[in-house]
Amino acid sequence: MATKISQLKQDFTESLSQISRFWGFPKGMGTIFAVLYLSPTPLALDEITAQTGLTKGAVSTEVRTLARMGLVHRSSKLGDRKDYYEAETDFYTSIRSILKERQNSEFDRALRGVRETLEKLESGSTSGDEAEIQFLIERVQALQDFFDAIDSLTNAVIKLERLGLGNVKTILGVLK
């Protein structure tokens, strides 16, 4: 039995919603991006609202966030006062935008917190059992090293876009 296109679109939309939540974004943001990505033409807010089942206020808020991140683009039609939106289809641009957004907010705060904790532990101003302090230094340092590696990897992925898709595929093929 053949699967209907509408069911496939719904399944795809649900998958992107889950990915959105995984990356720490609202489920609705993934839903909106999926609807726009699967649309052959730009959509107005009321069309997005109808297709997602989200409120117009939620759609408006999420679309503005997606636009700020560079994941959707706004356009207009001559003689029409509505704004229309379409998804960014270059995945390297999309991933770079997501990584920059995450890196610039939560990741930087977390990294700063780990660094501050390590500095306090290493400064000698922490009172307590010396063996426990040394244990904590080792553990926090290991996490700091991991975060530094993730930060470097994120920066590398952000820079990969400049190489172009063919070169990125070649590089990733070598790494397999």
N, C-alpha and C. Protein backbone atom coordinates (compact mmCIF):
# COMPACT_ATOMS: atom_id res chain seq x y z
N MET A 1 0.84 -1.19 0.00
CA MET A 1 0.00 0.00 0.00
C MET A 1 0.89 1.25 0.00
N ALA A 2 0.62 2.15 -0.89
CA ALA A 2 1.42 3.36 -1.05
C ALA A 2 1.15 4.34 0.09
N THR A 3 2.19 5.02 0.51
CA THR A 3 2.07 6.04 1.54
C THR A 3 1.71 7.36 0.88
N LYS A 4 0.75 8.07 1.47
CA LYS A 4 0.34 9.36 0.92
C LYS A 4 1.41 10.41 1.19
N ILE A 5 1.52 11.33 0.26
CA ILE A 5 2.49 12.43 0.40
C ILE A 5 2.24 13.19 1.70
N SER A 6 0.99 13.41 2.04
CA SER A 6 0.68 14.17 3.26
C SER A 6 1.23 13.45 4.49
N GLN A 7 1.18 12.12 4.51
CA GLN A 7 1.71 11.36 5.64
C GLN A 7 3.23 11.46 5.69
N LEU A 8 3.87 11.39 4.53
CA LEU A 8 5.32 11.53 4.48
C LEU A 8 5.76 12.91 4.97
N LYS A 9 5.03 13.94 4.55
CA LYS A 9 5.34 15.30 5.01
C LYS A 9 5.17 15.41 6.52
N GLN A 10 4.11 14.80 7.04
CA GLN A 10 3.86 14.83 8.48
C GLN A 10 4.98 14.11 9.23
N ASP A 11 5.40 12.96 8.74
CA ASP A 11 6.49 12.21 9.37
C ASP A 11 7.79 13.01 9.35
N PHE A 12 8.08 13.63 8.21
CA PHE A 12 9.29 14.45 8.07
C PHE A 12 9.24 15.63 9.05
N THR A 13 8.09 16.27 9.13
CA THR A 13 7.91 17.41 10.02
C THR A 13 8.13 16.99 11.47
N GLU A 14 7.59 15.85 11.85
CA GLU A 14 7.78 15.34 13.22
C GLU A 14 9.26 15.06 13.48
N SER A 15 9.95 14.52 12.50
CA SER A 15 11.38 14.24 12.66
C SER A 15 12.17 15.53 12.88
N LEU A 16 11.89 16.55 12.09
CA LEU A 16 12.59 17.83 12.27
C LEU A 16 12.23 18.49 13.60
N SER A 17 11.01 18.28 14.06
CA SER A 17 10.61 18.81 15.36
C SER A 17 11.43 18.17 16.47
N GLN A 18 11.65 16.86 16.36
CA GLN A 18 12.46 16.16 17.36
C GLN A 18 13.92 16.62 17.30
N ILE A 19 14.44 16.81 16.10
CA ILE A 19 15.81 17.31 15.95
C ILE A 19 15.92 18.70 16.57
N SER A 20 14.91 19.52 16.34
CA SER A 20 14.89 20.87 16.90
C SER A 20 14.98 20.81 18.43
N ARG A 21 14.19 19.94 19.03
CA ARG A 21 14.22 19.80 20.49
C ARG A 21 15.58 19.30 20.96
N PHE A 22 16.16 18.36 20.21
CA PHE A 22 17.48 17.84 20.57
C PHE A 22 18.51 18.96 20.66
N TRP A 23 18.45 19.91 19.71
CA TRP A 23 19.40 21.02 19.69
C TRP A 23 19.03 22.12 20.68
N GLY A 24 17.95 21.93 21.43
CA GLY A 24 17.58 22.91 22.45
C GLY A 24 16.66 24.01 21.96
N PHE A 25 16.06 23.82 20.80
CA PHE A 25 15.13 24.80 20.26
C PHE A 25 13.70 24.29 20.46
N PRO A 26 12.73 25.19 20.44
CA PRO A 26 11.34 24.75 20.59
C PRO A 26 10.91 23.81 19.46
N LYS A 27 10.04 22.89 19.81
CA LYS A 27 9.51 21.93 18.83
C LYS A 27 8.87 22.66 17.65
N GLY A 28 8.15 23.73 17.94
CA GLY A 28 7.47 24.49 16.90
C GLY A 28 8.42 25.07 15.87
N MET A 29 9.63 25.39 16.30
CA MET A 29 10.61 25.94 15.37
C MET A 29 10.98 24.89 14.32
N GLY A 30 11.15 23.65 14.74
CA GLY A 30 11.43 22.57 13.80
C GLY A 30 10.26 22.31 12.88
N THR A 31 9.06 22.40 13.43
CA THR A 31 7.84 22.19 12.64
C THR A 31 7.74 23.25 11.54
N ILE A 32 7.95 24.49 11.91
CA ILE A 32 7.87 25.59 10.94
C ILE A 32 8.94 25.45 9.87
N PHE A 33 10.16 25.14 10.28
CA PHE A 33 11.23 24.97 9.29
C PHE A 33 10.88 23.84 8.33
N ALA A 34 10.36 22.73 8.84
CA ALA A 34 10.01 21.60 7.97
C ALA A 34 8.94 21.98 6.96
N VAL A 35 7.91 22.69 7.41
CA VAL A 35 6.83 23.11 6.51
C VAL A 35 7.38 24.02 5.42
N LEU A 36 8.22 24.96 5.81
CA LEU A 36 8.80 25.87 4.82
C LEU A 36 9.76 25.14 3.89
N TYR A 37 10.52 24.22 4.42
CA TYR A 37 11.49 23.48 3.61
C TYR A 37 10.80 22.64 2.55
N LEU A 38 9.66 22.07 2.90
CA LEU A 38 8.93 21.21 1.96
C LEU A 38 7.99 21.97 1.04
N SER A 39 7.92 23.28 1.21
CA SER A 39 7.05 24.09 0.36
C SER A 39 7.81 24.57 -0.88
N PRO A 40 7.23 24.36 -2.06
CA PRO A 40 7.91 24.82 -3.28
C PRO A 40 7.87 26.34 -3.47
N THR A 41 7.01 27.00 -2.71
CA THR A 41 6.89 28.46 -2.80
C THR A 41 6.93 29.06 -1.39
N PRO A 42 7.32 30.33 -1.27
CA PRO A 42 7.29 30.99 0.04
C PRO A 42 5.87 31.03 0.59
N LEU A 43 5.75 30.95 1.92
CA LEU A 43 4.45 30.94 2.58
C LEU A 43 4.28 32.15 3.48
N ALA A 44 3.04 32.64 3.58
CA ALA A 44 2.69 33.72 4.50
C ALA A 44 2.44 33.12 5.88
N LEU A 45 2.44 33.97 6.91
CA LEU A 45 2.22 33.50 8.28
C LEU A 45 0.93 32.71 8.43
N ASP A 46 -0.16 33.18 7.79
CA ASP A 46 -1.43 32.47 7.94
C ASP A 46 -1.37 31.07 7.30
N GLU A 47 -0.62 30.93 6.23
CA GLU A 47 -0.45 29.61 5.61
C GLU A 47 0.39 28.69 6.50
N ILE A 48 1.42 29.25 7.11
CA ILE A 48 2.25 28.47 8.03
C ILE A 48 1.42 28.03 9.23
N THR A 49 0.62 28.96 9.75
CA THR A 49 -0.25 28.65 10.88
C THR A 49 -1.20 27.51 10.54
N ALA A 50 -1.81 27.57 9.38
CA ALA A 50 -2.76 26.53 8.96
C ALA A 50 -2.07 25.18 8.82
N GLN A 51 -0.86 25.16 8.30
CA GLN A 51 -0.18 23.89 8.06
C GLN A 51 0.47 23.30 9.31
N THR A 52 0.79 24.14 10.29
CA THR A 52 1.46 23.64 11.49
C THR A 52 0.51 23.38 12.65
N GLY A 53 -0.62 24.08 12.66
CA GLY A 53 -1.53 23.96 13.80
C GLY A 53 -1.10 24.80 14.99
N LEU A 54 -0.03 25.57 14.83
CA LEU A 54 0.43 26.45 15.90
C LEU A 54 -0.35 27.75 15.87
N THR A 55 -0.33 28.49 16.96
CA THR A 55 -1.02 29.78 16.97
C THR A 55 -0.25 30.77 16.11
N LYS A 56 -0.96 31.79 15.64
CA LYS A 56 -0.32 32.80 14.79
C LYS A 56 0.78 33.53 15.56
N GLY A 57 0.55 33.77 16.85
CA GLY A 57 1.56 34.42 17.68
C GLY A 57 2.83 33.57 17.80
N ALA A 58 2.65 32.27 18.01
CA ALA A 58 3.80 31.36 18.11
C ALA A 58 4.54 31.30 16.78
N VAL A 59 3.79 31.22 15.69
CA VAL A 59 4.41 31.17 14.36
C VAL A 59 5.20 32.44 14.11
N SER A 60 4.62 33.58 14.43
CA SER A 60 5.29 34.86 14.23
C SER A 60 6.60 34.93 15.02
N THR A 61 6.54 34.53 16.28
CA THR A 61 7.73 34.56 17.13
C THR A 61 8.81 33.62 16.62
N GLU A 62 8.43 32.39 16.28
CA GLU A 62 9.41 31.39 15.83
C GLU A 62 10.00 31.76 14.47
N VAL A 63 9.17 32.32 13.58
CA VAL A 63 9.66 32.72 12.26
C VAL A 63 10.68 33.85 12.41
N ARG A 64 10.43 34.79 13.30
CA ARG A 64 11.40 35.87 13.54
C ARG A 64 12.73 35.30 14.05
N THR A 65 12.64 34.34 14.95
CA THR A 65 13.86 33.71 15.47
C THR A 65 14.59 32.97 14.36
N LEU A 66 13.85 32.20 13.57
CA LEU A 66 14.47 31.47 12.45
C LEU A 66 15.11 32.44 11.45
N ALA A 67 14.46 33.57 11.21
CA ALA A 67 15.01 34.56 10.28
C ALA A 67 16.28 35.18 10.85
N ARG A 68 16.27 35.49 12.14
CA ARG A 68 17.46 36.06 12.79
C ARG A 68 18.64 35.09 12.70
N MET A 69 18.35 33.80 12.76
CA MET A 69 19.40 32.78 12.68
C MET A 69 19.81 32.49 11.24
N GLY A 70 19.09 33.05 10.28
CA GLY A 70 19.42 32.80 8.88
C GLY A 70 18.87 31.49 8.35
N LEU A 71 17.93 30.89 9.07
CA LEU A 71 17.36 29.61 8.64
C LEU A 71 16.14 29.78 7.76
N VAL A 72 15.51 30.95 7.81
CA VAL A 72 14.44 31.28 6.87
C VAL A 72 14.68 32.69 6.35
N HIS A 73 14.12 32.95 5.19
CA HIS A 73 14.30 34.26 4.56
C HIS A 73 12.93 34.85 4.26
N ARG A 74 12.81 36.15 4.52
CA ARG A 74 11.55 36.86 4.29
C ARG A 74 11.58 37.49 2.91
N SER A 75 10.43 37.48 2.27
CA SER A 75 10.29 38.15 0.98
C SER A 75 8.90 38.75 0.91
N SER A 76 8.66 39.52 -0.12
CA SER A 76 7.33 40.11 -0.31
C SER A 76 6.95 39.99 -1.77
N LYS A 77 5.66 40.17 -2.01
CA LYS A 77 5.15 40.13 -3.39
C LYS A 77 4.60 41.51 -3.71
N LEU A 78 4.87 41.96 -4.91
CA LEU A 78 4.42 43.27 -5.35
C LEU A 78 2.91 43.38 -5.21
N GLY A 79 2.45 44.43 -4.54
CA GLY A 79 1.03 44.67 -4.36
C GLY A 79 0.41 43.90 -3.21
N ASP A 80 1.20 43.15 -2.47
CA ASP A 80 0.72 42.35 -1.34
C ASP A 80 1.42 42.83 -0.08
N ARG A 81 0.66 43.11 0.97
CA ARG A 81 1.26 43.62 2.20
C ARG A 81 1.83 42.52 3.08
N LYS A 82 1.53 41.28 2.77
CA LYS A 82 2.00 40.17 3.59
C LYS A 82 3.48 39.91 3.36
N ASP A 83 4.11 39.39 4.41
CA ASP A 83 5.48 38.89 4.28
C ASP A 83 5.39 37.40 4.00
N TYR A 84 6.30 36.93 3.20
CA TYR A 84 6.36 35.51 2.85
C TYR A 84 7.72 34.97 3.30
N TYR A 85 7.73 33.69 3.65
CA TYR A 85 8.95 33.09 4.19
C TYR A 85 9.28 31.80 3.46
N GLU A 86 10.59 31.58 3.29
CA GLU A 86 11.05 30.32 2.71
C GLU A 86 12.27 29.85 3.50
N ALA A 87 12.47 28.54 3.52
CA ALA A 87 13.57 27.94 4.29
C ALA A 87 14.90 28.08 3.55
N GLU A 88 15.94 28.21 4.32
CA GLU A 88 17.30 28.13 3.78
C GLU A 88 17.52 26.68 3.36
N THR A 89 17.99 26.47 2.15
CA THR A 89 18.16 25.10 1.65
C THR A 89 19.62 24.66 1.63
N ASP A 90 20.53 25.55 1.94
CA ASP A 90 21.94 25.19 2.02
C ASP A 90 22.20 24.69 3.44
N PHE A 91 22.40 23.38 3.58
CA PHE A 91 22.52 22.80 4.91
C PHE A 91 23.77 23.25 5.66
N TYR A 92 24.84 23.55 4.95
CA TYR A 92 26.03 24.04 5.64
C TYR A 92 25.75 25.41 6.24
N THR A 93 25.01 26.23 5.53
CA THR A 93 24.62 27.53 6.08
C THR A 93 23.72 27.33 7.29
N SER A 94 22.77 26.40 7.19
CA SER A 94 21.85 26.13 8.30
C SER A 94 22.59 25.62 9.53
N ILE A 95 23.44 24.62 9.34
CA ILE A 95 24.17 24.05 10.48
C ILE A 95 25.10 25.09 11.08
N ARG A 96 25.75 25.86 10.24
CA ARG A 96 26.63 26.92 10.74
C ARG A 96 25.84 27.91 11.60
N SER A 97 24.64 28.26 11.14
CA SER A 97 23.80 29.19 11.90
C SER A 97 23.40 28.59 13.24
N ILE A 98 23.02 27.32 13.23
CA ILE A 98 22.63 26.65 14.48
C ILE A 98 23.81 26.58 15.43
N LEU A 99 24.96 26.18 14.92
CA LEU A 99 26.14 26.07 15.78
C LEU A 99 26.54 27.43 16.34
N LYS A 100 26.49 28.46 15.52
CA LYS A 100 26.83 29.80 16.01
C LYS A 100 25.86 30.22 17.11
N GLU A 101 24.58 29.97 16.88
CA GLU A 101 23.56 30.35 17.87
C GLU A 101 23.80 29.63 19.19
N ARG A 102 24.01 28.33 19.11
CA ARG A 102 24.25 27.54 20.32
C ARG A 102 25.56 27.94 20.98
N GLN A 103 26.58 28.12 20.17
CA GLN A 103 27.90 28.44 20.70
C GLN A 103 27.88 29.80 21.39
N ASN A 104 27.20 30.75 20.79
CA ASN A 104 27.20 32.10 21.33
C ASN A 104 26.37 32.24 22.59
N SER A 105 25.53 31.28 22.89
CA SER A 105 24.68 31.44 24.07
C SER A 105 25.05 30.44 25.15
N GLU A 106 24.38 29.29 25.15
CA GLU A 106 24.56 28.35 26.24
C GLU A 106 25.96 27.77 26.34
N PHE A 107 26.55 27.43 25.22
CA PHE A 107 27.86 26.80 25.26
C PHE A 107 28.90 27.73 25.87
N ASP A 108 28.88 28.98 25.45
CA ASP A 108 29.85 29.94 26.00
C ASP A 108 29.64 30.13 27.50
N ARG A 109 28.38 30.18 27.94
CA ARG A 109 28.11 30.32 29.38
C ARG A 109 28.61 29.10 30.14
N ALA A 110 28.33 27.91 29.60
CA ALA A 110 28.78 26.67 30.25
C ALA A 110 30.30 26.61 30.30
N LEU A 111 30.94 26.95 29.20
CA LEU A 111 32.40 26.93 29.13
C LEU A 111 33.00 27.91 30.13
N ARG A 112 32.41 29.07 30.22
CA ARG A 112 32.88 30.08 31.17
C ARG A 112 32.75 29.57 32.61
N GLY A 113 31.62 28.92 32.91
CA GLY A 113 31.40 28.38 34.25
C GLY A 113 32.41 27.31 34.61
N VAL A 114 32.72 26.43 33.66
CA VAL A 114 33.72 25.38 33.91
C VAL A 114 35.10 26.01 34.13
N ARG A 115 35.45 26.99 33.30
CA ARG A 115 36.75 27.67 33.45
C ARG A 115 36.87 28.35 34.81
N GLU A 116 35.79 29.03 35.22
CA GLU A 116 35.81 29.73 36.51
C GLU A 116 35.97 28.74 37.66
N THR A 117 35.27 27.61 37.57
CA THR A 117 35.39 26.59 38.61
C THR A 117 36.82 26.07 38.69
N LEU A 118 37.41 25.79 37.53
CA LEU A 118 38.78 25.28 37.49
C LEU A 118 39.75 26.32 38.05
N GLU A 119 39.57 27.58 37.69
CA GLU A 119 40.44 28.64 38.21
C GLU A 119 40.36 28.73 39.73
N LYS A 120 39.15 28.63 40.27
CA LYS A 120 38.98 28.70 41.73
C LYS A 120 39.65 27.50 42.41
N LEU A 121 39.49 26.32 41.80
CA LEU A 121 40.11 25.13 42.38
C LEU A 121 41.63 25.22 42.35
N GLU A 122 42.17 25.73 41.25
CA GLU A 122 43.62 25.80 41.08
C GLU A 122 44.27 26.97 41.81
N SER A 123 43.47 27.93 42.22
CA SER A 123 44.03 29.14 42.86
C SER A 123 44.53 28.87 44.28
N GLY A 124 44.14 27.76 44.86
CA GLY A 124 44.56 27.45 46.22
C GLY A 124 43.68 28.09 47.27
N SER A 125 42.65 28.79 46.85
CA SER A 125 41.78 29.47 47.82
C SER A 125 40.60 28.61 48.25
N THR A 126 40.53 27.37 47.74
CA THR A 126 39.44 26.48 48.11
C THR A 126 39.86 25.69 49.34
N SER A 127 39.00 25.73 50.36
CA SER A 127 39.33 24.98 51.58
C SER A 127 38.70 23.60 51.50
N GLY A 128 39.37 22.64 52.10
CA GLY A 128 38.86 21.27 52.11
C GLY A 128 39.99 20.28 52.00
N ASP A 129 39.60 19.04 51.90
CA ASP A 129 40.56 17.94 51.80
C ASP A 129 41.38 18.08 50.52
N GLU A 130 42.69 18.07 50.65
CA GLU A 130 43.59 18.27 49.51
C GLU A 130 43.40 17.19 48.44
N ALA A 131 43.19 15.95 48.86
CA ALA A 131 42.99 14.86 47.90
C ALA A 131 41.69 15.08 47.11
N GLU A 132 40.65 15.54 47.79
CA GLU A 132 39.38 15.80 47.11
C GLU A 132 39.53 16.98 46.14
N ILE A 133 40.23 18.01 46.54
CA ILE A 133 40.46 19.16 45.67
C ILE A 133 41.21 18.73 44.42
N GLN A 134 42.25 17.90 44.59
CA GLN A 134 43.02 17.42 43.45
C GLN A 134 42.14 16.57 42.52
N PHE A 135 41.29 15.73 43.12
CA PHE A 135 40.36 14.91 42.34
C PHE A 135 39.44 15.82 41.52
N LEU A 136 38.88 16.85 42.16
CA LEU A 136 37.99 17.78 41.46
C LEU A 136 38.72 18.52 40.35
N ILE A 137 39.96 18.91 40.59
CA ILE A 137 40.74 19.59 39.55
C ILE A 137 40.88 18.68 38.34
N GLU A 138 41.22 17.41 38.57
CA GLU A 138 41.38 16.47 37.46
C GLU A 138 40.08 16.29 36.68
N ARG A 139 38.98 16.14 37.40
CA ARG A 139 37.69 15.95 36.74
C ARG A 139 37.27 17.18 35.96
N VAL A 140 37.36 18.35 36.57
CA VAL A 140 36.95 19.59 35.90
C VAL A 140 37.88 19.88 34.73
N GLN A 141 39.17 19.59 34.87
CA GLN A 141 40.12 19.79 33.77
C GLN A 141 39.76 18.89 32.59
N ALA A 142 39.37 17.64 32.88
CA ALA A 142 38.97 16.72 31.80
C ALA A 142 37.76 17.27 31.05
N LEU A 143 36.81 17.82 31.79
CA LEU A 143 35.63 18.42 31.15
C LEU A 143 36.02 19.67 30.37
N GLN A 144 36.93 20.46 30.93
CA GLN A 144 37.42 21.65 30.23
C GLN A 144 38.09 21.26 28.91
N ASP A 145 38.91 20.22 28.94
CA ASP A 145 39.57 19.75 27.72
C ASP A 145 38.55 19.30 26.68
N PHE A 146 37.52 18.59 27.14
CA PHE A 146 36.46 18.14 26.24
C PHE A 146 35.74 19.33 25.62
N PHE A 147 35.35 20.30 26.44
CA PHE A 147 34.66 21.49 25.93
C PHE A 147 35.54 22.26 24.94
N ASP A 148 36.82 22.34 25.23
CA ASP A 148 37.73 23.02 24.29
C ASP A 148 37.76 22.29 22.95
N ALA A 149 37.77 20.95 23.00
CA ALA A 149 37.76 20.16 21.76
C ALA A 149 36.47 20.38 20.99
N ILE A 150 35.34 20.39 21.69
CA ILE A 150 34.04 20.64 21.04
C ILE A 150 34.01 22.04 20.44
N ASP A 151 34.55 23.00 21.17
CA ASP A 151 34.61 24.37 20.68
C ASP A 151 35.44 24.44 19.39
N SER A 152 36.57 23.76 19.37
CA SER A 152 37.41 23.73 18.17
C SER A 152 36.70 23.04 17.01
N LEU A 153 36.02 21.95 17.30
CA LEU A 153 35.28 21.23 16.27
C LEU A 153 34.15 22.09 15.70
N THR A 154 33.44 22.78 16.58
CA THR A 154 32.37 23.67 16.14
C THR A 154 32.92 24.76 15.24
N ASN A 155 34.02 25.35 15.64
CA ASN A 155 34.62 26.40 14.81
C ASN A 155 35.07 25.84 13.46
N ALA A 156 35.57 24.62 13.45
CA ALA A 156 35.99 23.99 12.19
C ALA A 156 34.79 23.77 11.27
N VAL A 157 33.68 23.29 11.83
CA VAL A 157 32.47 23.07 11.03
C VAL A 157 31.96 24.40 10.47
N ILE A 158 32.00 25.44 11.29
CA ILE A 158 31.57 26.76 10.83
C ILE A 158 32.42 27.22 9.65
N LYS A 159 33.71 26.95 9.70
CA LYS A 159 34.62 27.37 8.63
C LYS A 159 34.53 26.49 7.40
N LEU A 160 34.04 25.26 7.53
CA LEU A 160 33.94 24.34 6.39
C LEU A 160 33.09 24.89 5.26
N GLU A 161 32.12 25.70 5.59
CA GLU A 161 31.21 26.24 4.58
C GLU A 161 31.98 26.95 3.47
N ARG A 162 33.06 27.61 3.83
CA ARG A 162 33.83 28.36 2.84
C ARG A 162 34.47 27.45 1.79
N LEU A 163 34.64 26.18 2.13
CA LEU A 163 35.30 25.25 1.20
C LEU A 163 34.38 24.78 0.08
N GLY A 164 33.10 24.86 0.27
CA GLY A 164 32.16 24.37 -0.73
C GLY A 164 31.81 22.91 -0.49
N LEU A 165 30.64 22.49 -0.96
CA LEU A 165 30.11 21.16 -0.69
C LEU A 165 31.03 20.05 -1.20
N GLY A 166 31.56 20.18 -2.41
CA GLY A 166 32.41 19.13 -2.97
C GLY A 166 33.65 18.89 -2.13
N ASN A 167 34.30 19.97 -1.70
CA ASN A 167 35.50 19.84 -0.88
C ASN A 167 35.18 19.27 0.49
N VAL A 168 34.05 19.66 1.07
CA VAL A 168 33.66 19.14 2.37
C VAL A 168 33.41 17.64 2.28
N LYS A 169 32.72 17.20 1.22
CA LYS A 169 32.48 15.77 1.05
C LYS A 169 33.80 15.01 0.91
N THR A 170 34.75 15.59 0.21
CA THR A 170 36.06 14.96 0.05
C THR A 170 36.76 14.83 1.40
N ILE A 171 36.75 15.90 2.18
CA ILE A 171 37.38 15.89 3.50
C ILE A 171 36.71 14.86 4.40
N LEU A 172 35.38 14.86 4.43
CA LEU A 172 34.66 13.92 5.28
C LEU A 172 34.87 12.49 4.81
N GLY A 173 35.01 12.27 3.51
CA GLY A 173 35.27 10.94 2.98
C GLY A 173 36.62 10.41 3.44
N VAL A 174 37.59 11.28 3.53
CA VAL A 174 38.92 10.90 4.00
C VAL A 174 38.88 10.52 5.48
N LEU A 175 38.01 11.18 6.24
CA LEU A 175 37.92 10.94 7.68
C LEU A 175 37.18 9.65 8.03
N LYS A 176 36.48 9.06 7.08
CA LYS A 176 35.70 7.84 7.38
C LYS A 176 36.57 6.68 7.71
